[in-house]
Amino acid sequence: MEIIHRGATLVMSSHSPEGNEALLKTCEDHMQTWHFGFNVEKTPDGESRIHFDHTHRSGLAPSHGVLVSQTLGLSTKIQEYIF
């Protein structure tokens, strides 16, 4: 599982079934704890991606999402993702 970060959007992605399940659990945890906006995307090659919008609803700085993910024990590999 990896975190892909660009601007105010945090994108988590995974190709493995276990990773996909963890992404959905993380999505639920985020919504219950932080009430971030999000959407789920599945790419043609089987990668699942969850996009968290950290500014639309919460007004938090983009870096805050990375800190939240570290707290959840996720990988913190950061790279640009062009939407």
C-alpha atoms as a PDB file:
ATOM      1  CA  MET A   1       0.000   0.000   0.000  1.00  0.00           C
ATOM      2  CA  GLU A   2       1.271   3.487  -0.731  1.00  0.00           C
ATOM      3  CA  ILE A   3       0.223   7.059  -0.233  1.00  0.00           C
ATOM      4  CA  ILE A   4       0.295   9.376  -3.238  1.00  0.00           C
ATOM      5  CA  HIS A   5      -0.033  13.037  -2.389  1.00  0.00           C
ATOM      6  CA  ARG A   6      -0.778  16.059  -4.551  1.00  0.00           C
ATOM      7  CA  GLY A   7      -2.063  19.417  -3.377  1.00  0.00           C
ATOM      8  CA  ALA A   8      -4.889  19.093  -0.886  1.00  0.00           C
ATOM      9  CA  THR A   9      -5.783  15.549  -1.924  1.00  0.00           C
ATOM     10  CA  LEU A  10      -4.327  12.451  -0.294  1.00  0.00           C
ATOM     11  CA  VAL A  11      -4.501   9.372  -2.521  1.00  0.00           C
ATOM     12  CA  MET A  12      -3.924   5.889  -1.102  1.00  0.00           C
ATOM     13  CA  SER A  13      -3.425   3.050  -3.561  1.00  0.00           C
ATOM     14  CA  SER A  14      -2.968  -0.715  -3.519  1.00  0.00           C
ATOM     15  CA  HIS A  15      -2.932  -3.640  -5.964  1.00  0.00           C
ATOM     16  CA  SER A  16      -3.336  -6.433  -3.389  1.00  0.00           C
ATOM     17  CA  PRO A  17      -6.672  -7.726  -2.041  1.00  0.00           C
ATOM     18  CA  GLU A  18      -5.394  -7.248   1.530  1.00  0.00           C
ATOM     19  CA  GLY A  19      -4.335  -3.714   0.681  1.00  0.00           C
ATOM     20  CA  ASN A  20      -7.687  -2.959  -0.932  1.00  0.00           C
ATOM     21  CA  GLU A  21      -9.466  -4.156   2.205  1.00  0.00           C
ATOM     22  CA  ALA A  22      -7.170  -2.010   4.350  1.00  0.00           C
ATOM     23  CA  LEU A  23      -7.891   0.988   2.124  1.00  0.00           C
ATOM     24  CA  LEU A  24     -11.626   0.622   2.596  1.00  0.00           C
ATOM     25  CA  LYS A  25     -11.164   0.210   6.367  1.00  0.00           C
ATOM     26  CA  THR A  26      -8.983   3.326   6.388  1.00  0.00           C
ATOM     27  CA  CYS A  27     -11.667   5.138   4.413  1.00  0.00           C
ATOM     28  CA  GLU A  28     -14.282   4.211   7.024  1.00  0.00           C
ATOM     29  CA  ASP A  29     -11.943   5.217   9.870  1.00  0.00           C
ATOM     30  CA  HIS A  30     -11.220   8.560   8.224  1.00  0.00           C
ATOM     31  CA  MET A  31     -14.888   9.327   7.693  1.00  0.00           C
ATOM     32  CA  GLN A  32     -15.799   8.440  11.272  1.00  0.00           C
ATOM     33  CA  THR A  33     -12.878  10.325  12.809  1.00  0.00           C
ATOM     34  CA  TRP A  34     -12.168  13.239  10.492  1.00  0.00           C
ATOM     35  CA  HIS A  35     -15.219  13.570   8.207  1.00  0.00           C
ATOM     36  CA  PHE A  36     -13.075  14.147   5.126  1.00  0.00           C
ATOM     37  CA  GLY A  37     -14.578  14.096   1.667  1.00  0.00           C
ATOM     38  CA  PHE A  38     -13.538  10.990  -0.313  1.00  0.00           C
ATOM     39  CA  ASN A  39     -14.158   8.922  -3.397  1.00  0.00           C
ATOM     40  CA  VAL A  40     -13.106   5.388  -4.345  1.00  0.00           C
ATOM     41  CA  GLU A  41     -11.593   4.593  -7.747  1.00  0.00           C
ATOM     42  CA  LYS A  42     -10.622   1.252  -9.322  1.00  0.00           C
ATOM     43  CA  THR A  43      -8.144   1.419 -12.208  1.00  0.00           C
ATOM     44  CA  PRO A  44      -8.289  -0.957 -15.231  1.00  0.00           C
ATOM     45  CA  ASP A  45      -5.178  -2.823 -13.987  1.00  0.00           C
ATOM     46  CA  GLY A  46      -6.852  -3.700 -10.654  1.00  0.00           C
ATOM     47  CA  GLU A  47      -5.423  -0.956  -8.469  1.00  0.00           C
ATOM     48  CA  SER A  48      -7.791   0.493  -5.882  1.00  0.00           C
ATOM     49  CA  ARG A  49      -7.407   4.146  -4.989  1.00  0.00           C
ATOM     50  CA  ILE A  50      -9.125   6.196  -2.331  1.00  0.00           C
ATOM     51  CA  HIS A  51      -8.945   9.970  -2.700  1.00  0.00           C
ATOM     52  CA  PHE A  52      -9.348  12.012   0.485  1.00  0.00           C
ATOM     53  CA  ASP A  53     -10.099  15.718   0.132  1.00  0.00           C
ATOM     54  CA  HIS A  54      -8.605  17.391   3.197  1.00  0.00           C
ATOM     55  CA  THR A  55      -9.696  20.942   2.479  1.00  0.00           C
ATOM     56  CA  HIS A  56     -13.181  20.781   0.972  1.00  0.00           C
ATOM     57  CA  ARG A  57     -14.883  19.736   4.205  1.00  0.00           C
ATOM     58  CA  SER A  58     -12.262  19.990   6.913  1.00  0.00           C
ATOM     59  CA  GLY A  59     -10.187  23.049   6.031  1.00  0.00           C
ATOM     60  CA  LEU A  60      -7.046  21.218   7.166  1.00  0.00           C
ATOM     61  CA  ALA A  61      -3.624  21.677   5.607  1.00  0.00           C
ATOM     62  CA  PRO A  62      -2.593  18.993   3.051  1.00  0.00           C
ATOM     63  CA  SER A  63       0.243  17.747   5.274  1.00  0.00           C
ATOM     64  CA  HIS A  64      -2.252  16.887   8.019  1.00  0.00           C
ATOM     65  CA  GLY A  65      -3.581  13.984   5.953  1.00  0.00           C
ATOM     66  CA  VAL A  66      -0.107  12.473   5.745  1.00  0.00           C
ATOM     67  CA  LEU A  67       0.276  12.708   9.520  1.00  0.00           C
ATOM     68  CA  VAL A  68      -3.093  11.018  10.004  1.00  0.00           C
ATOM     69  CA  SER A  69      -1.991   8.196   7.690  1.00  0.00           C
ATOM     70  CA  GLN A  70       1.258   7.750   9.615  1.00  0.00           C
ATOM     71  CA  THR A  71      -0.789   7.471  12.794  1.00  0.00           C
ATOM     72  CA  LEU A  72      -2.864   4.730  11.141  1.00  0.00           C
ATOM     73  CA  GLY A  73       0.367   2.810  10.426  1.00  0.00           C
ATOM     74  CA  LEU A  74       0.294   3.155   6.630  1.00  0.00           C
ATOM     75  CA  SER A  75       3.294   3.455   4.334  1.00  0.00           C
ATOM     76  CA  THR A  76       4.373   7.045   3.797  1.00  0.00           C
ATOM     77  CA  LYS A  77       5.852   6.769   0.310  1.00  0.00           C
ATOM     78  CA  ILE A  78       4.945  10.118  -1.217  1.00  0.00           C
ATOM     79  CA  GLN A  79       4.942  10.907  -4.931  1.00  0.00           C
ATOM     80  CA  GLU A  80       3.150  13.226  -7.313  1.00  0.00           C
ATOM     81  CA  TYR A  81      -0.021  11.885  -8.880  1.00  0.00           C
ATOM     82  CA  ILE A  82      -1.387  13.738 -11.896  1.00  0.00           C
ATOM     83  CA  PHE A  83      -5.190  13.585 -11.944  1.00  0.00           C
END
